[in-house]
Amino acid sequence: MNNQIHFFSQGCRFLIKDKKEIRGWIEEVIQREDRIPGEINFIFMDDAALLNYNLKYLNTNTYTDIITFPLSDEEQVISGDVYISIERVEENAKRYKVNFKEELRRILIHGVLHLIGYEDILVNDKRKMTRLENKFLKLYSKN
């Protein structure tokens, strides 16, 4: 594969484990959606930093676990920046009674689905996205 999926930490100390497996999984998801993996940057940060991004770019004053910015000029190529609050991932894992790794994988694939073009504002769209997340989380566990 092309290894254009990168992981960064900004303002927090977080290192993702299993980078090779996660890259392969994300690339497979993108290909299963009939798209081409481009350059994707996952940037991990704390709540305060992501709140600042939410205010600056989306004019929203609420904490969130993820913000995505698609950056591809070509519809078939999936590229972009995905900003993730590690604190929100930890909190969500506790709330939904799952382990941190599972919740992190859900957030990662949620961001990829946004880059592909899926939305989750409307109830039906949110249900569809959750079904896709569940489908692709099972794919990860089979790898």
N, C-alpha and C. Protein backbone atom coordinates (compact mmCIF):
# COMPACT_ATOMS: atom_id res chain seq x y z
N MET A 1 0.84 -1.18 0.00
CA MET A 1 0.00 0.00 0.00
C MET A 1 0.88 1.25 0.00
N ASN A 2 0.25 2.39 -0.15
CA ASN A 2 1.00 3.61 -0.39
C ASN A 2 1.46 4.35 0.86
N ASN A 3 1.03 3.93 2.04
CA ASN A 3 1.52 4.51 3.30
C ASN A 3 1.34 6.02 3.38
N GLN A 4 0.21 6.52 2.93
CA GLN A 4 -0.06 7.94 3.00
C GLN A 4 -0.98 8.29 4.16
N ILE A 5 -1.10 7.39 5.09
CA ILE A 5 -1.91 7.64 6.28
C ILE A 5 -0.94 7.92 7.43
N HIS A 6 -1.08 9.11 7.99
CA HIS A 6 -0.13 9.58 9.01
C HIS A 6 -0.86 9.86 10.33
N PHE A 7 -0.12 9.75 11.41
CA PHE A 7 -0.65 9.99 12.75
C PHE A 7 0.24 10.99 13.47
N PHE A 8 -0.37 12.03 14.03
CA PHE A 8 0.36 13.08 14.73
C PHE A 8 -0.32 13.38 16.06
N SER A 9 0.45 13.89 16.99
CA SER A 9 -0.09 14.41 18.24
C SER A 9 0.21 15.90 18.30
N GLN A 10 -0.78 16.66 18.73
CA GLN A 10 -0.62 18.10 18.82
C GLN A 10 -1.13 18.55 20.18
N GLY A 11 -0.23 18.96 21.04
CA GLY A 11 -0.62 19.45 22.35
C GLY A 11 -1.01 18.37 23.35
N CYS A 12 -0.75 17.12 23.01
CA CYS A 12 -1.00 16.03 23.95
C CYS A 12 0.03 14.93 23.66
N ARG A 13 0.20 14.08 24.63
CA ARG A 13 1.13 12.96 24.45
C ARG A 13 0.31 11.72 24.13
N PHE A 14 0.25 11.39 22.86
CA PHE A 14 -0.47 10.19 22.46
C PHE A 14 0.22 9.59 21.26
N LEU A 15 0.53 8.32 21.37
CA LEU A 15 1.10 7.57 20.26
C LEU A 15 0.16 6.42 19.93
N ILE A 16 -0.20 6.32 18.68
CA ILE A 16 -1.09 5.24 18.27
C ILE A 16 -0.26 3.97 18.08
N LYS A 17 -0.82 2.88 18.54
CA LYS A 17 -0.16 1.59 18.37
C LYS A 17 -0.76 0.91 17.15
N ASP A 18 -0.11 -0.11 16.66
CA ASP A 18 -0.61 -0.90 15.53
C ASP A 18 -0.82 -0.05 14.27
N LYS A 19 0.08 0.88 14.02
CA LYS A 19 -0.07 1.77 12.87
C LYS A 19 -0.22 1.00 11.56
N LYS A 20 0.59 -0.01 11.38
CA LYS A 20 0.57 -0.76 10.12
C LYS A 20 -0.80 -1.42 9.91
N GLU A 21 -1.33 -2.06 10.94
CA GLU A 21 -2.63 -2.72 10.84
C GLU A 21 -3.74 -1.71 10.60
N ILE A 22 -3.68 -0.59 11.30
CA ILE A 22 -4.72 0.43 11.15
C ILE A 22 -4.66 1.05 9.75
N ARG A 23 -3.47 1.31 9.25
CA ARG A 23 -3.35 1.84 7.89
C ARG A 23 -3.96 0.88 6.87
N GLY A 24 -3.61 -0.39 6.99
CA GLY A 24 -4.14 -1.40 6.07
C GLY A 24 -5.65 -1.48 6.14
N TRP A 25 -6.18 -1.42 7.35
CA TRP A 25 -7.64 -1.48 7.55
C TRP A 25 -8.32 -0.28 6.91
N ILE A 26 -7.80 0.90 7.15
CA ILE A 26 -8.39 2.12 6.59
C ILE A 26 -8.34 2.09 5.07
N GLU A 27 -7.22 1.67 4.53
CA GLU A 27 -7.11 1.57 3.07
C GLU A 27 -8.13 0.58 2.51
N GLU A 28 -8.31 -0.55 3.21
CA GLU A 28 -9.29 -1.54 2.75
C GLU A 28 -10.71 -0.98 2.81
N VAL A 29 -11.04 -0.26 3.87
CA VAL A 29 -12.37 0.37 3.97
C VAL A 29 -12.60 1.32 2.80
N ILE A 30 -11.62 2.15 2.52
CA ILE A 30 -11.75 3.12 1.42
C ILE A 30 -11.95 2.38 0.09
N GLN A 31 -11.19 1.34 -0.12
CA GLN A 31 -11.32 0.58 -1.36
C GLN A 31 -12.67 -0.12 -1.44
N ARG A 32 -13.19 -0.63 -0.33
CA ARG A 32 -14.51 -1.25 -0.32
C ARG A 32 -15.62 -0.26 -0.63
N GLU A 33 -15.33 1.02 -0.40
CA GLU A 33 -16.29 2.08 -0.74
C GLU A 33 -16.04 2.61 -2.16
N ASP A 34 -15.27 1.85 -2.94
CA ASP A 34 -14.96 2.19 -4.33
C ASP A 34 -14.26 3.54 -4.46
N ARG A 35 -13.36 3.79 -3.56
CA ARG A 35 -12.58 5.03 -3.58
C ARG A 35 -11.10 4.67 -3.52
N ILE A 36 -10.27 5.65 -3.70
CA ILE A 36 -8.83 5.47 -3.71
C ILE A 36 -8.24 6.18 -2.49
N PRO A 37 -7.44 5.47 -1.70
CA PRO A 37 -6.81 6.13 -0.55
C PRO A 37 -5.81 7.19 -1.01
N GLY A 38 -5.94 8.38 -0.47
CA GLY A 38 -4.98 9.45 -0.71
C GLY A 38 -4.23 9.72 0.58
N GLU A 39 -3.87 10.95 0.80
CA GLU A 39 -3.15 11.30 2.03
C GLU A 39 -4.16 11.69 3.11
N ILE A 40 -4.08 10.98 4.22
CA ILE A 40 -4.96 11.25 5.36
C ILE A 40 -4.08 11.46 6.59
N ASN A 41 -4.32 12.57 7.27
CA ASN A 41 -3.60 12.89 8.50
C ASN A 41 -4.57 12.83 9.67
N PHE A 42 -4.25 11.99 10.63
CA PHE A 42 -4.99 11.94 11.88
C PHE A 42 -4.19 12.73 12.90
N ILE A 43 -4.81 13.75 13.47
CA ILE A 43 -4.12 14.60 14.43
C ILE A 43 -4.84 14.47 15.78
N PHE A 44 -4.12 13.94 16.76
CA PHE A 44 -4.68 13.73 18.09
C PHE A 44 -4.36 14.93 18.96
N MET A 45 -5.36 15.40 19.70
CA MET A 45 -5.18 16.59 20.53
C MET A 45 -6.05 16.48 21.77
N ASP A 46 -5.99 17.49 22.63
CA ASP A 46 -6.83 17.51 23.82
C ASP A 46 -8.13 18.26 23.52
N ASP A 47 -9.05 18.22 24.49
CA ASP A 47 -10.36 18.87 24.33
C ASP A 47 -10.26 20.35 24.00
N ALA A 48 -9.40 21.05 24.73
CA ALA A 48 -9.31 22.51 24.56
C ALA A 48 -8.87 22.86 23.14
N ALA A 49 -7.89 22.15 22.63
CA ALA A 49 -7.40 22.43 21.28
C ALA A 49 -8.48 22.15 20.23
N LEU A 50 -9.19 21.03 20.38
CA LEU A 50 -10.23 20.71 19.40
C LEU A 50 -11.41 21.68 19.53
N LEU A 51 -11.70 22.13 20.73
CA LEU A 51 -12.74 23.15 20.91
C LEU A 51 -12.36 24.42 20.15
N ASN A 52 -11.09 24.79 20.22
CA ASN A 52 -10.64 25.97 19.47
C ASN A 52 -10.84 25.80 17.97
N TYR A 53 -10.56 24.61 17.44
CA TYR A 53 -10.79 24.34 16.03
C TYR A 53 -12.28 24.42 15.71
N ASN A 54 -13.09 23.88 16.61
CA ASN A 54 -14.54 23.89 16.42
C ASN A 54 -15.05 25.33 16.34
N LEU A 55 -14.53 26.18 17.22
CA LEU A 55 -14.91 27.60 17.20
C LEU A 55 -14.40 28.31 15.95
N LYS A 56 -13.14 28.09 15.65
CA LYS A 56 -12.50 28.82 14.55
C LYS A 56 -13.07 28.44 13.18
N TYR A 57 -13.24 27.14 12.94
CA TYR A 57 -13.60 26.69 11.60
C TYR A 57 -15.08 26.36 11.42
N LEU A 58 -15.76 25.98 12.50
CA LEU A 58 -17.16 25.58 12.38
C LEU A 58 -18.10 26.49 13.16
N ASN A 59 -17.53 27.48 13.83
CA ASN A 59 -18.32 28.45 14.60
C ASN A 59 -19.26 27.78 15.60
N THR A 60 -18.74 26.73 16.23
CA THR A 60 -19.52 25.96 17.20
C THR A 60 -18.74 25.91 18.51
N ASN A 61 -19.44 26.26 19.61
CA ASN A 61 -18.79 26.32 20.92
C ASN A 61 -19.17 25.10 21.76
N THR A 62 -18.86 23.92 21.23
CA THR A 62 -19.12 22.68 21.97
C THR A 62 -17.93 21.75 21.81
N TYR A 63 -17.73 20.93 22.84
CA TYR A 63 -16.71 19.90 22.74
C TYR A 63 -17.18 18.85 21.75
N THR A 64 -16.23 18.26 21.05
CA THR A 64 -16.55 17.20 20.11
C THR A 64 -15.39 16.21 20.12
N ASP A 65 -15.65 15.02 19.61
CA ASP A 65 -14.59 14.02 19.56
C ASP A 65 -13.82 14.07 18.26
N ILE A 66 -14.43 14.65 17.20
CA ILE A 66 -13.78 14.61 15.90
C ILE A 66 -14.24 15.76 15.02
N ILE A 67 -13.30 16.27 14.23
CA ILE A 67 -13.60 17.23 13.17
C ILE A 67 -12.82 16.77 11.94
N THR A 68 -13.49 16.72 10.81
CA THR A 68 -12.82 16.29 9.58
C THR A 68 -12.82 17.42 8.55
N PHE A 69 -11.73 17.47 7.81
CA PHE A 69 -11.59 18.44 6.73
C PHE A 69 -11.16 17.69 5.47
N PRO A 70 -12.12 17.40 4.58
CA PRO A 70 -11.75 16.76 3.31
C PRO A 70 -10.86 17.71 2.50
N LEU A 71 -9.82 17.16 1.89
CA LEU A 71 -8.87 18.01 1.17
C LEU A 71 -8.61 17.55 -0.26
N SER A 72 -9.39 16.61 -0.75
CA SER A 72 -9.14 16.09 -2.09
C SER A 72 -9.87 16.91 -3.15
N ASP A 73 -9.19 17.12 -4.26
CA ASP A 73 -9.82 17.78 -5.41
C ASP A 73 -10.55 16.76 -6.28
N GLU A 74 -10.27 15.49 -6.09
CA GLU A 74 -10.87 14.42 -6.88
C GLU A 74 -11.84 13.63 -6.00
N GLU A 75 -13.05 13.42 -6.50
CA GLU A 75 -14.08 12.73 -5.72
C GLU A 75 -13.66 11.30 -5.35
N GLN A 76 -12.95 10.63 -6.23
CA GLN A 76 -12.57 9.24 -5.97
C GLN A 76 -11.42 9.11 -4.97
N VAL A 77 -10.61 10.14 -4.85
CA VAL A 77 -9.45 10.07 -3.95
C VAL A 77 -9.84 10.64 -2.59
N ILE A 78 -9.61 9.84 -1.56
CA ILE A 78 -9.98 10.23 -0.20
C ILE A 78 -8.75 10.77 0.52
N SER A 79 -8.76 12.08 0.74
CA SER A 79 -7.67 12.76 1.44
C SER A 79 -8.26 13.77 2.41
N GLY A 80 -7.54 14.04 3.47
CA GLY A 80 -8.01 15.07 4.39
C GLY A 80 -7.30 15.00 5.72
N ASP A 81 -7.70 15.92 6.58
CA ASP A 81 -7.20 15.99 7.95
C ASP A 81 -8.34 15.63 8.89
N VAL A 82 -8.02 14.77 9.87
CA VAL A 82 -8.99 14.32 10.85
C VAL A 82 -8.43 14.65 12.23
N TYR A 83 -9.09 15.57 12.92
CA TYR A 83 -8.67 16.00 14.25
C TYR A 83 -9.51 15.26 15.29
N ILE A 84 -8.84 14.65 16.25
CA ILE A 84 -9.51 13.80 17.24
C ILE A 84 -9.10 14.22 18.65
N SER A 85 -10.10 14.39 19.52
CA SER A 85 -9.83 14.65 20.93
C SER A 85 -9.65 13.32 21.66
N ILE A 86 -8.46 13.09 22.15
CA ILE A 86 -8.19 11.87 22.91
C ILE A 86 -9.02 11.85 24.20
N GLU A 87 -9.23 13.01 24.80
CA GLU A 87 -10.05 13.07 26.02
C GLU A 87 -11.49 12.64 25.74
N ARG A 88 -12.05 13.03 24.61
CA ARG A 88 -13.42 12.63 24.25
C ARG A 88 -13.47 11.14 23.96
N VAL A 89 -12.44 10.60 23.32
CA VAL A 89 -12.41 9.16 23.03
C VAL A 89 -12.41 8.39 24.35
N GLU A 90 -11.59 8.85 25.31
CA GLU A 90 -11.56 8.20 26.63
C GLU A 90 -12.93 8.27 27.31
N GLU A 91 -13.55 9.45 27.27
CA GLU A 91 -14.86 9.64 27.89
C GLU A 91 -15.93 8.78 27.20
N ASN A 92 -15.91 8.75 25.88
CA ASN A 92 -16.88 7.93 25.13
C ASN A 92 -16.71 6.45 25.44
N ALA A 93 -15.48 6.00 25.57
CA ALA A 93 -15.23 4.60 25.88
C ALA A 93 -15.88 4.24 27.22
N LYS A 94 -15.73 5.13 28.20
CA LYS A 94 -16.37 4.88 29.51
C LYS A 94 -17.89 4.91 29.38
N ARG A 95 -18.41 5.92 28.67
CA ARG A 95 -19.86 6.08 28.53
C ARG A 95 -20.50 4.87 27.84
N TYR A 96 -19.85 4.37 26.78
CA TYR A 96 -20.42 3.26 26.01
C TYR A 96 -19.93 1.90 26.48
N LYS A 97 -19.13 1.91 27.54
CA LYS A 97 -18.63 0.69 28.16
C LYS A 97 -17.89 -0.22 27.17
N VAL A 98 -16.97 0.41 26.45
CA VAL A 98 -16.07 -0.31 25.55
C VAL A 98 -14.65 0.07 25.91
N ASN A 99 -13.69 -0.72 25.44
CA ASN A 99 -12.32 -0.34 25.76
C ASN A 99 -11.85 0.79 24.85
N PHE A 100 -10.80 1.46 25.28
CA PHE A 100 -10.30 2.63 24.58
C PHE A 100 -9.94 2.32 23.13
N LYS A 101 -9.26 1.18 22.90
CA LYS A 101 -8.84 0.83 21.53
C LYS A 101 -10.04 0.70 20.59
N GLU A 102 -11.10 0.07 21.07
CA GLU A 102 -12.29 -0.09 20.23
C GLU A 102 -12.93 1.27 19.92
N GLU A 103 -13.03 2.11 20.92
CA GLU A 103 -13.62 3.44 20.68
C GLU A 103 -12.74 4.27 19.75
N LEU A 104 -11.42 4.16 19.90
CA LEU A 104 -10.52 4.87 19.01
C LEU A 104 -10.70 4.40 17.57
N ARG A 105 -10.80 3.09 17.36
CA ARG A 105 -11.02 2.58 16.00
C ARG A 105 -12.34 3.09 15.44
N ARG A 106 -13.37 3.16 16.28
CA ARG A 106 -14.67 3.68 15.81
C ARG A 106 -14.52 5.14 15.37
N ILE A 107 -13.81 5.92 16.15
CA ILE A 107 -13.64 7.33 15.80
C ILE A 107 -12.80 7.47 14.54
N LEU A 108 -11.75 6.67 14.41
CA LEU A 108 -10.93 6.71 13.20
C LEU A 108 -11.77 6.43 11.96
N ILE A 109 -12.57 5.37 12.01
CA ILE A 109 -13.35 5.01 10.83
C ILE A 109 -14.48 6.01 10.62
N HIS A 110 -15.00 6.58 11.68
CA HIS A 110 -16.01 7.63 11.57
C HIS A 110 -15.44 8.80 10.76
N GLY A 111 -14.21 9.19 11.07
CA GLY A 111 -13.57 10.26 10.32
C GLY A 111 -13.37 9.91 8.86
N VAL A 112 -12.97 8.68 8.59
CA VAL A 112 -12.79 8.23 7.20
C VAL A 112 -14.12 8.27 6.46
N LEU A 113 -15.19 7.84 7.11
CA LEU A 113 -16.51 7.87 6.48
C LEU A 113 -16.94 9.31 6.16
N HIS A 114 -16.61 10.23 7.05
CA HIS A 114 -16.87 11.65 6.75
C HIS A 114 -16.08 12.09 5.52
N LEU A 115 -14.81 11.69 5.44
CA LEU A 115 -14.00 12.07 4.28
C LEU A 115 -14.57 11.48 2.98
N ILE A 116 -15.15 10.29 3.09
CA ILE A 116 -15.77 9.66 1.92
C ILE A 116 -17.01 10.42 1.49
N GLY A 117 -17.66 11.08 2.46
CA GLY A 117 -18.83 11.88 2.12
C GLY A 117 -20.07 11.59 2.93
N TYR A 118 -19.97 10.66 3.86
CA TYR A 118 -21.12 10.35 4.71
C TYR A 118 -21.31 11.45 5.75
N GLU A 119 -22.56 11.76 6.05
CA GLU A 119 -22.90 12.76 7.05
C GLU A 119 -23.63 12.09 8.21
N ASP A 120 -23.72 12.79 9.33
CA ASP A 120 -24.42 12.24 10.49
C ASP A 120 -25.25 13.29 11.22
N ILE A 121 -25.70 14.29 10.49
CA ILE A 121 -26.51 15.33 11.12
C ILE A 121 -27.96 14.87 11.29
N LEU A 122 -28.53 14.31 10.25
CA LEU A 122 -29.90 13.81 10.32
C LEU A 122 -29.93 12.42 10.95
N VAL A 123 -31.04 12.08 11.59
CA VAL A 123 -31.15 10.81 12.32
C VAL A 123 -30.89 9.62 11.39
N ASN A 124 -31.50 9.60 10.22
CA ASN A 124 -31.30 8.47 9.30
C ASN A 124 -29.85 8.38 8.82
N ASP A 125 -29.22 9.53 8.60
CA ASP A 125 -27.82 9.53 8.20
C ASP A 125 -26.94 9.00 9.32
N LYS A 126 -27.25 9.39 10.55
CA LYS A 126 -26.49 8.91 11.71
C LYS A 126 -26.61 7.40 11.85
N ARG A 127 -27.84 6.88 11.66
CA ARG A 127 -28.04 5.42 11.73
C ARG A 127 -27.22 4.70 10.67
N LYS A 128 -27.24 5.24 9.46
CA LYS A 128 -26.48 4.62 8.36
C LYS A 128 -24.99 4.63 8.68
N MET A 129 -24.50 5.75 9.21
CA MET A 129 -23.08 5.84 9.53
C MET A 129 -22.72 4.85 10.63
N THR A 130 -23.56 4.72 11.63
CA THR A 130 -23.29 3.77 12.71
C THR A 130 -23.26 2.35 12.17
N ARG A 131 -24.18 2.01 11.26
CA ARG A 131 -24.17 0.67 10.64
C ARG A 131 -22.86 0.43 9.90
N LEU A 132 -22.40 1.44 9.16
CA LEU A 132 -21.14 1.29 8.43
C LEU A 132 -19.96 1.17 9.40
N GLU A 133 -19.97 1.96 10.46
CA GLU A 133 -18.91 1.85 11.46
C GLU A 133 -18.86 0.43 12.01
N ASN A 134 -20.02 -0.11 12.38
CA ASN A 134 -20.08 -1.47 12.93
C ASN A 134 -19.58 -2.50 11.92
N LYS A 135 -19.99 -2.34 10.68
CA LYS A 135 -19.55 -3.26 9.60
C LYS A 135 -18.03 -3.23 9.48
N PHE A 136 -17.46 -2.03 9.44
CA PHE A 136 -16.02 -1.93 9.23
C PHE A 136 -15.21 -2.25 10.49
N LEU A 137 -15.81 -2.08 11.67
CA LEU A 137 -15.13 -2.52 12.89
C LEU A 137 -15.00 -4.04 12.89
N LYS A 138 -16.02 -4.74 12.40
CA LYS A 138 -15.93 -6.21 12.28
C LYS A 138 -14.84 -6.60 11.30
N LEU A 139 -14.70 -5.84 10.23
CA LEU A 139 -13.64 -6.10 9.25
C LEU A 139 -12.28 -6.00 9.92
N TYR A 140 -12.08 -5.02 10.80
CA TYR A 140 -10.80 -4.87 11.49
C TYR A 140 -10.52 -6.10 12.33
N SER A 141 -11.53 -6.58 13.04
CA SER A 141 -11.32 -7.72 13.93
C SER A 141 -11.00 -9.00 13.17
N LYS A 142 -11.34 -9.05 11.87
CA LYS A 142 -11.03 -10.24 11.06
C LYS A 142 -9.62 -10.19 10.50
N ASN A 143 -9.01 -9.02 10.49
CA ASN A 143 -7.64 -8.90 9.93
C ASN A 143 -6.60 -9.43 10.90
